[in-house]
């Protein structure tokens, strides 16, 4: 292997271990004009998290080699390389470059993967990564939608259907009933409510304030702690009418002729909530940690992104997890705690079935069904949630995974330190 020469450091001949030192997130606010975070711009959400991470770890202003932030709708005030500007506003020097990435809902965890790769191969020592999405200020589709959704020549080869219909297709293909989904959705609400009551998020959630220092929001506000089985059962399917009106049902059946109809079983209570939010993670090498007095909390064992079939779209976590585990030399039974983004209830249900994961090991503190899914930020948020819960339960190995639009999946294996 060719030596990597970097001034002030011994030449590298192998990949280095990469560590997570800390993480913080905002609360998640309803993604509407009356939501608690609507007043805060995307760059302000990231700035406040950067300040919090800088202060609580006593980071020197010139300590960062990279800031990578994921965003799905990088338009208007949420675009223009936001992560280049945010660290300067947070008090870091202008030596820190910024990179904005979009791997759909996997964007924030992809940001972590990018800096882990750079640190592992010796091209960076310390970085902050994560994601942001202000869905109340920059709604989905504000960037035009891309070729898959608007170019008929593209759609002819890879049919574009509503993601909610993809979720119902996934449920139909694998026999998940409305009762199965409702039970999962109710469990998400109850687990999230219990986690908040017990203060499990207290160490990671940074209240967002306005220009006067008044708190705008200090807790996830999408949560419905009063949900019951009866209230969930009373909800209408969310995507039945749209699936027929937009032709998504017909396109899905054309691709999967083994079914003759889509069972529309997802509702608003078994789909992820539209919210505003941000999350960031401090990642670095052992050398950086020793130099700055940072105690590692976890080692990143492996990370991988994969593609999956674009019409069903949401089954990427299974192949991503399979490959990430193989790279780490592990099997599903080695993983003590799992975190799967709850884009729709069928997604974690499918992962639990294929990986043979008991529900008690999956999303111990609820997920996006209860607390919302700020698209570009969720990967970092749930990775941090996983690490906190691993520490709380004194567990050694955890895995975080997300599906992503267009038919993709991402997974990362974490090993707790200490």
Protein backbone atom coordinates (compact mmCIF):
# COMPACT_ATOMS: atom_id res chain seq x y z
CA UNK A 1 0.00 0.00 0.00
CA UNK A 2 1.30 3.46 -0.85
CA UNK A 3 2.24 5.59 2.14
CA UNK A 4 0.05 8.59 2.91
CA UNK A 5 2.26 11.54 3.85
CA UNK A 6 0.66 14.15 6.10
CA UNK A 7 2.70 16.85 7.80
CA UNK A 8 3.16 16.32 11.52
CA UNK A 9 2.04 12.72 11.53
CA UNK A 10 3.63 9.33 10.91
CA UNK A 11 2.96 7.89 7.43
CA UNK A 12 -0.09 5.63 7.34
CA UNK A 13 -0.06 2.12 5.92
CA UNK A 14 -3.54 0.94 6.98
CA UNK A 15 -7.00 2.25 7.74
CA UNK A 16 -7.35 3.88 11.14
CA UNK A 17 -10.13 3.38 13.62
CA UNK A 18 -12.77 6.10 13.54
CA UNK A 19 -14.57 7.15 16.71
CA UNK A 20 -17.71 9.01 17.69
CA UNK A 21 -16.96 11.45 20.49
CA UNK A 22 -20.30 13.22 20.91
CA UNK A 23 -23.59 14.11 19.26
CA UNK A 24 -26.45 16.58 19.71
CA UNK A 25 -29.76 17.24 18.04
CA UNK A 26 -32.58 19.73 18.04
CA UNK A 27 -36.06 18.76 19.15
CA UNK A 28 -38.30 17.97 16.20
CA UNK A 29 -40.96 20.58 15.47
CA UNK A 30 -44.09 20.14 13.39
CA UNK A 31 -43.28 20.88 9.76
CA UNK A 32 -45.94 23.55 9.41
CA UNK A 33 -45.97 27.36 9.78
CA UNK A 34 -47.34 26.95 13.32
CA UNK A 35 -44.60 24.48 14.27
CA UNK A 36 -42.22 25.31 17.08
CA UNK A 37 -39.14 25.57 14.84
CA UNK A 38 -40.66 27.40 11.87
CA UNK A 39 -39.06 30.67 12.97
CA UNK A 40 -35.54 29.20 12.91
CA UNK A 41 -33.77 29.00 9.55
CA UNK A 42 -31.92 25.81 8.58
CA UNK A 43 -28.52 27.42 8.98
CA UNK A 44 -29.55 28.65 12.42
CA UNK A 45 -30.56 25.16 13.51
CA UNK A 46 -27.14 23.86 12.49
CA UNK A 47 -25.34 26.86 13.99
CA UNK A 48 -26.89 26.36 17.40
CA UNK A 49 -25.95 22.68 17.40
CA UNK A 50 -22.38 23.49 16.36
CA UNK A 51 -22.08 25.99 19.21
CA UNK A 52 -23.40 23.42 21.67
CA UNK A 53 -21.01 20.73 20.46
CA UNK A 54 -18.09 23.19 20.44
CA UNK A 55 -18.80 24.43 23.97
CA UNK A 56 -19.48 21.11 25.67
CA UNK A 57 -16.32 19.55 24.20
CA UNK A 58 -14.14 22.68 24.51
CA UNK A 59 -13.20 22.45 20.83
CA UNK A 60 -10.61 24.96 19.57
CA UNK A 61 -11.92 27.23 16.84
CA UNK A 62 -9.48 25.78 14.32
CA UNK A 63 -9.96 22.11 15.22
CA UNK A 64 -12.26 20.92 12.42
CA UNK A 65 -11.00 19.45 9.16
CA UNK A 66 -14.44 19.08 7.65
CA UNK A 67 -18.14 19.76 8.16
CA UNK A 68 -20.49 17.55 6.11
CA UNK A 69 -24.24 18.08 6.33
CA UNK A 70 -26.98 16.11 4.59
CA UNK A 71 -30.07 17.82 3.21
CA UNK A 72 -32.72 16.39 0.92
CA UNK A 73 -34.21 19.63 -0.37
CA UNK A 74 -31.15 21.85 -0.77
CA UNK A 75 -33.03 24.84 -2.16
CA UNK A 76 -33.18 28.51 -1.22
CA UNK A 77 -31.98 29.20 2.31
CA UNK A 78 -31.38 25.48 2.84
CA UNK A 79 -28.91 25.23 -0.06
CA UNK A 80 -25.80 27.03 -1.28
CA UNK A 81 -23.39 24.83 0.71
CA UNK A 82 -24.96 25.62 4.07
CA UNK A 83 -22.29 23.63 5.99
CA UNK A 84 -19.58 25.98 4.78
CA UNK A 85 -21.27 28.98 6.39
CA UNK A 86 -22.73 27.43 9.56
CA UNK A 87 -19.39 26.67 11.31
CA UNK A 88 -18.14 30.21 10.69
CA UNK A 89 -21.33 31.56 12.27
CA UNK A 90 -20.76 29.16 15.18
CA UNK A 91 -17.30 30.53 15.96
CA UNK A 92 -15.05 28.11 14.07
CA UNK A 93 -12.37 29.60 11.86
CA UNK A 94 -12.74 29.87 8.11
CA UNK A 95 -10.23 27.05 7.54
CA UNK A 96 -13.03 24.48 7.81
CA UNK A 97 -14.51 23.44 4.45
CA UNK A 98 -18.14 22.46 4.12
CA UNK A 99 -19.85 19.79 2.06
CA UNK A 100 -23.60 19.35 1.51
CA UNK A 101 -24.78 15.90 0.44
CA UNK A 102 -28.05 14.33 -0.66
CA UNK A 103 -28.68 10.60 -0.46
CA UNK A 104 -32.38 11.20 0.15
CA UNK A 105 -33.44 10.03 3.62
CA UNK A 106 -30.00 8.48 4.17
CA UNK A 107 -28.24 11.84 3.76
CA UNK A 108 -27.17 12.45 7.37
CA UNK A 109 -25.82 8.94 7.87
CA UNK A 110 -24.07 9.22 4.51
CA UNK A 111 -22.44 12.40 5.86
CA UNK A 112 -21.13 10.35 8.79
CA UNK A 113 -19.86 7.70 6.38
CA UNK A 114 -18.02 10.28 4.30
CA UNK A 115 -16.10 11.72 7.23
CA UNK A 116 -15.47 8.24 8.66
CA UNK A 117 -13.85 7.27 5.36
CA UNK A 118 -11.73 10.43 5.29
CA UNK A 119 -10.60 9.94 8.86
CA UNK A 120 -10.00 6.25 8.36
CA UNK A 121 -7.67 6.82 5.42
CA UNK A 122 -5.84 9.68 7.14
CA UNK A 123 -7.17 12.58 5.09
CA UNK A 124 -8.86 14.21 8.09
CA UNK A 125 -8.54 14.01 11.86
CA UNK A 126 -11.68 15.63 13.28
CA UNK A 127 -14.98 16.44 11.63
CA UNK A 128 -18.59 17.24 12.35
CA UNK A 129 -21.27 15.58 10.26
CA UNK A 130 -25.02 15.21 10.28
CA UNK A 131 -28.01 16.78 8.61
CA UNK A 132 -30.78 19.36 8.65
CA UNK A 133 -34.24 19.68 7.15
CA UNK A 134 -36.66 22.54 7.72
CA UNK A 135 -39.76 21.06 6.16
CA UNK A 136 -41.97 23.94 7.24
CA UNK A 137 -39.81 26.51 5.45
CA UNK A 138 -38.60 24.47 2.46
CA UNK A 139 -41.30 21.89 1.65
CA UNK A 140 -40.53 18.65 -0.14
CA UNK A 141 -40.29 19.23 -3.88
CA UNK A 142 -39.09 22.82 -3.59
CA UNK A 143 -36.03 21.84 -5.61
CA UNK A 144 -38.12 20.70 -8.57
CA UNK A 145 -38.38 16.99 -7.90
CA UNK A 146 -35.60 15.66 -10.14
CA UNK A 147 -35.76 13.58 -13.32
CA UNK A 148 -37.36 10.49 -11.79
CA UNK A 149 -40.53 12.37 -10.96
CA UNK A 150 -40.83 14.85 -13.83
CA UNK A 151 -39.18 13.38 -16.94
CA UNK A 152 -41.45 10.85 -18.74
CA UNK A 153 -38.45 9.34 -20.55
CA UNK A 154 -36.92 8.45 -17.19
CA UNK A 155 -40.19 7.21 -15.70
CA UNK A 156 -40.70 4.90 -18.68
CA UNK A 157 -37.65 2.90 -17.58
CA UNK A 158 -38.01 3.29 -13.79
CA UNK A 159 -41.66 4.04 -12.94
CA UNK A 160 -42.11 6.74 -10.31
CA UNK A 161 -44.80 6.11 -7.69
CA UNK A 162 -45.74 7.83 -4.46
CA UNK A 163 -43.60 6.69 -1.56
CA UNK A 164 -46.69 6.00 0.54
CA UNK A 165 -47.92 3.63 -2.16
CA UNK A 166 -44.48 1.99 -2.10
CA UNK A 167 -45.00 1.41 1.61
CA UNK A 168 -48.39 -0.16 0.97
CA UNK A 169 -46.82 -2.24 -1.82
CA UNK A 170 -44.14 -3.48 0.58
CA UNK A 171 -46.83 -4.43 3.09
CA UNK A 172 -48.92 -6.14 0.41
CA UNK A 173 -46.00 -8.16 -0.95
CA UNK A 174 -45.06 -9.48 2.48
CA UNK A 175 -48.47 -9.86 4.08
CA UNK A 176 -48.37 -7.12 6.74
CA UNK A 177 -51.92 -6.34 7.79
CA UNK A 178 -53.46 -3.09 8.96
CA UNK A 179 -53.48 -4.57 12.48
CA UNK A 180 -49.75 -5.35 12.24
CA UNK A 181 -48.95 -1.78 11.24
CA UNK A 182 -51.24 -0.19 13.82
CA UNK A 183 -49.67 -2.28 16.59
CA UNK A 184 -46.21 -1.16 15.51
CA UNK A 185 -47.27 2.49 15.27
CA UNK A 186 -48.82 2.42 18.74
CA UNK A 187 -45.65 0.87 20.17
CA UNK A 188 -43.59 3.69 18.63
CA UNK A 189 -45.76 6.31 20.31
CA UNK A 190 -45.66 4.58 23.69
CA UNK A 191 -41.90 4.01 23.58
CA UNK A 192 -41.19 7.61 22.59
CA UNK A 193 -43.47 8.97 25.31
CA UNK A 194 -41.77 6.77 27.91
CA UNK A 195 -38.32 7.85 26.71
CA UNK A 196 -39.24 11.51 27.15
CA UNK A 197 -40.77 10.93 30.58
CA UNK A 198 -37.65 9.07 31.72
CA UNK A 199 -35.32 11.75 30.35
CA UNK A 200 -33.53 9.46 27.90
CA UNK A 201 -33.05 12.29 25.40
CA UNK A 202 -31.89 14.85 27.97
CA UNK A 203 -28.20 14.49 27.16
CA UNK A 204 -28.57 15.02 23.44
CA UNK A 205 -31.44 17.44 22.78
CA UNK A 206 -30.40 21.10 22.56
CA UNK A 207 -33.31 23.55 22.96
CA UNK A 208 -33.59 25.94 20.04
CA UNK A 209 -33.80 29.63 20.90
CA UNK A 210 -34.71 32.80 19.00
CA UNK A 211 -32.57 35.91 18.56
CA UNK A 212 -33.53 37.09 22.05
CA UNK A 213 -32.57 33.80 23.68
CA UNK A 214 -36.17 32.77 24.26
CA UNK A 215 -36.71 29.03 23.86
CA UNK A 216 -38.68 28.19 20.73
CA UNK A 217 -38.83 24.45 21.36
CA UNK A 218 -37.21 22.07 23.82
CA UNK A 219 -38.94 18.74 23.09
CA UNK A 220 -40.31 16.77 20.14
CA UNK A 221 -43.78 18.11 19.43
CA UNK A 222 -45.08 15.63 16.85
CA UNK A 223 -45.53 12.98 19.54
CA UNK A 224 -49.07 11.77 20.31
CA UNK A 225 -48.76 10.26 23.78
CA UNK A 226 -52.55 9.84 24.03
CA UNK A 227 -52.76 7.50 21.04
CA UNK A 228 -54.75 4.31 21.58
CA UNK A 229 -55.44 1.21 19.53
CA UNK A 230 -58.98 2.48 19.01
CA UNK A 231 -57.88 5.91 17.78
CA UNK A 232 -55.42 4.35 15.33
CA UNK A 233 -58.00 1.88 14.04
CA UNK A 234 -60.40 4.74 13.28
CA UNK A 235 -58.01 6.42 10.81
CA UNK A 236 -58.52 6.09 7.07
CA UNK A 237 -55.75 4.73 4.81
CA UNK A 238 -53.56 7.65 3.83
CA UNK A 239 -52.62 6.74 0.26
CA UNK A 240 -55.58 4.90 -1.30
CA UNK A 241 -57.14 7.81 -3.16
CA UNK A 242 -53.83 9.30 -4.26
CA UNK A 243 -52.55 5.91 -5.39
CA UNK A 244 -55.47 5.59 -7.77
CA UNK A 245 -55.66 9.23 -8.86
CA UNK A 246 -51.94 9.48 -9.64
CA UNK A 247 -51.70 6.06 -11.25
CA UNK A 248 -49.22 4.77 -8.69
CA UNK A 249 -51.27 1.66 -7.92
CA UNK A 250 -51.36 0.63 -11.59
CA UNK A 251 -47.63 1.20 -12.03
CA UNK A 252 -46.83 -0.83 -8.93
CA UNK A 253 -49.00 -3.75 -10.07
CA UNK A 254 -47.42 -3.57 -13.51
CA UNK A 255 -44.00 -4.02 -11.92
CA UNK A 256 -45.25 -6.70 -9.50
CA UNK A 257 -47.87 -8.70 -11.42
CA UNK A 258 -47.97 -11.38 -8.72
CA UNK A 259 -50.42 -9.12 -6.86
CA UNK A 260 -53.74 -7.97 -8.31
CA UNK A 261 -54.28 -5.00 -6.01
CA UNK A 262 -52.48 -2.81 -3.47
CA UNK A 263 -53.73 -3.21 0.08
CA UNK A 264 -53.69 0.35 1.39
CA UNK A 265 -52.88 -0.25 5.04
CA UNK A 266 -50.71 2.70 6.10
CA UNK A 267 -52.31 5.68 7.80
CA UNK A 268 -51.03 8.95 9.21
CA UNK A 269 -50.34 7.05 12.43
CA UNK A 270 -48.11 4.45 10.76
CA UNK A 271 -46.20 6.88 8.53
CA UNK A 272 -43.39 9.21 9.55
CA UNK A 273 -44.30 12.75 10.55
CA UNK A 274 -43.26 15.84 8.56
CA UNK A 275 -41.07 17.88 10.91
CA UNK A 276 -38.20 20.36 11.18
CA UNK A 277 -34.97 19.31 12.84
CA UNK A 278 -31.21 18.85 12.76
CA UNK A 279 -28.63 16.51 14.26
CA UNK A 280 -24.82 16.47 14.22
CA UNK A 281 -22.07 14.07 15.34
CA UNK A 282 -18.44 14.71 16.30
CA UNK A 283 -16.21 12.11 14.65
CA UNK A 284 -12.45 11.74 14.72
CA UNK A 285 -9.32 9.66 15.02
CA UNK A 286 -7.74 8.37 18.21
CA UNK A 287 -4.96 10.92 17.73
CA UNK A 288 -7.44 13.79 17.58
CA UNK A 289 -9.19 12.53 20.68
CA UNK A 290 -5.97 12.29 22.66
CA UNK A 291 -4.80 15.70 21.50
CA UNK A 292 -8.05 17.43 22.46
CA UNK A 293 -8.94 15.37 25.53
CA UNK A 294 -12.00 13.79 23.94
CA UNK A 295 -13.18 10.42 25.24
CA UNK A 296 -14.45 8.13 22.47
CA UNK A 297 -17.97 6.82 22.98
CA UNK A 298 -18.15 4.43 20.03
CA UNK A 299 -16.07 2.97 17.23
CA UNK A 300 -17.54 2.91 13.73
CA UNK A 301 -17.08 -0.72 12.69
CA UNK A 302 -18.54 -0.58 9.19
CA UNK A 303 -20.77 1.49 6.93
CA UNK A 304 -22.31 0.82 3.54
CA UNK A 305 -24.90 2.13 1.09
CA UNK A 306 -26.72 -0.05 -1.45
CA UNK A 307 -29.30 0.26 -4.19
CA UNK A 308 -32.61 -1.62 -4.28
CA UNK A 309 -35.55 -1.88 -6.68
CA UNK A 310 -36.93 1.66 -7.21
CA UNK A 311 -40.67 0.89 -7.27
CA UNK A 312 -40.94 -0.93 -3.96
CA UNK A 313 -38.18 1.46 -2.93
CA UNK A 314 -38.22 0.89 0.83
CA UNK A 315 -36.60 -2.53 1.26
CA UNK A 316 -32.98 -1.30 1.12
CA UNK A 317 -32.22 -1.77 4.85
CA UNK A 318 -32.04 -5.57 4.55
CA UNK A 319 -29.26 -5.74 1.91
CA UNK A 320 -27.49 -2.76 3.51
CA UNK A 321 -27.48 -4.42 6.92
CA UNK A 322 -26.40 -7.74 5.44
CA UNK A 323 -23.40 -6.16 3.76
CA UNK A 324 -22.46 -3.93 6.72
CA UNK A 325 -22.51 -6.94 9.03
CA UNK A 326 -20.38 -8.97 6.63
CA UNK A 327 -17.80 -6.19 6.39
CA UNK A 328 -17.65 -6.03 10.19
CA UNK A 329 -17.37 -9.82 10.46
CA UNK A 330 -20.65 -10.06 12.38
CA UNK A 331 -24.01 -11.78 12.10
CA UNK A 332 -27.45 -10.34 12.96
CA UNK A 333 -27.45 -12.24 16.24
CA UNK A 334 -24.33 -10.31 17.34
CA UNK A 335 -26.21 -6.99 17.24
CA UNK A 336 -27.70 -6.17 20.62
CA UNK A 337 -29.69 -3.08 19.59
CA UNK A 338 -31.09 -1.92 16.26
CA UNK A 339 -32.30 1.47 15.06
CA UNK A 340 -34.27 1.55 11.81
CA UNK A 341 -35.82 4.74 10.55
CA UNK A 342 -39.59 4.48 10.69
CA UNK A 343 -40.35 6.01 7.31
CA UNK A 344 -43.41 3.74 7.35
CA UNK A 345 -44.28 0.91 9.72
CA UNK A 346 -43.70 -1.74 7.04
CA UNK A 347 -40.00 -0.80 6.84
CA UNK A 348 -38.92 -1.92 10.34
CA UNK A 349 -41.39 -4.82 10.18
CA UNK A 350 -39.65 -6.09 7.06
CA UNK A 351 -36.20 -5.67 8.61
CA UNK A 352 -37.25 -7.50 11.77
CA UNK A 353 -38.55 -10.37 9.65
CA UNK A 354 -35.52 -10.71 7.37
CA UNK A 355 -32.90 -10.22 10.09
CA UNK A 356 -34.88 -12.14 12.72
CA UNK A 357 -34.78 -9.22 15.16
CA UNK A 358 -37.20 -9.28 18.11
CA UNK A 359 -39.22 -6.10 18.53
CA UNK A 360 -37.67 -5.38 21.93
CA UNK A 361 -34.29 -4.88 20.21
CA UNK A 362 -35.67 -2.56 17.52
CA UNK A 363 -36.19 1.18 18.09
CA UNK A 364 -36.27 1.00 21.86
CA UNK A 365 -37.25 4.67 22.19
CA UNK A 366 -39.76 4.88 19.38
CA UNK A 367 -38.98 6.54 16.09
CA UNK A 368 -40.10 8.74 13.24
CA UNK A 369 -43.71 7.53 13.40
CA UNK A 370 -43.97 9.12 16.84
CA UNK A 371 -41.41 11.93 16.69
CA UNK A 372 -41.15 12.76 13.00
CA UNK A 373 -38.68 12.41 10.15
CA UNK A 374 -36.73 15.56 9.19
CA UNK A 375 -35.54 14.00 5.96
CA UNK A 376 -31.91 15.06 5.69
CA UNK A 377 -31.26 14.91 9.44
CA UNK A 378 -32.76 11.60 10.55
CA UNK A 379 -29.68 9.45 10.00
CA UNK A 380 -27.60 11.43 12.48
CA UNK A 381 -30.48 11.74 14.94
CA UNK A 382 -31.18 8.02 15.14
CA UNK A 383 -27.47 7.13 15.19
CA UNK A 384 -27.17 9.31 18.28
CA UNK A 385 -30.30 7.77 19.77
CA UNK A 386 -28.81 4.33 19.23
CA UNK A 387 -25.54 5.27 20.93
CA UNK A 388 -27.30 6.82 23.93
CA UNK A 389 -29.45 3.73 24.40
CA UNK A 390 -26.45 1.40 24.03
CA UNK A 391 -24.81 3.32 26.85
CA UNK A 392 -27.95 3.29 28.96
CA UNK A 393 -28.27 -0.48 28.64
CA UNK A 394 -24.49 -1.15 28.68
CA UNK A 395 -24.63 -2.90 25.29
CA UNK A 396 -21.65 -3.46 23.03
CA UNK A 397 -22.85 -3.59 19.42
CA UNK A 398 -25.57 -1.66 17.62
CA UNK A 399 -26.70 -1.09 14.05
CA UNK A 400 -28.43 1.93 12.51
CA UNK A 401 -30.14 1.78 9.12
CA UNK A 402 -32.46 3.76 6.84
CA UNK A 403 -34.25 3.27 3.56
CA UNK A 404 -33.99 6.06 1.02
CA UNK A 405 -36.06 7.32 -1.90
CA UNK A 406 -35.33 5.93 -5.32
CA UNK A 407 -34.56 2.50 -3.89
CA UNK A 408 -31.55 2.76 -1.59
CA UNK A 409 -30.49 1.61 1.84
CA UNK A 410 -27.73 2.55 4.27
CA UNK A 411 -26.39 0.87 7.40
CA UNK A 412 -23.67 1.48 9.99
CA UNK A 413 -22.40 -0.76 12.78
CA UNK A 414 -21.31 0.88 16.04
CA UNK A 415 -19.25 -0.63 18.84
CA UNK A 416 -19.62 1.09 22.20
CA UNK A 417 -16.42 2.13 23.97
CA UNK A 418 -16.24 1.90 27.74
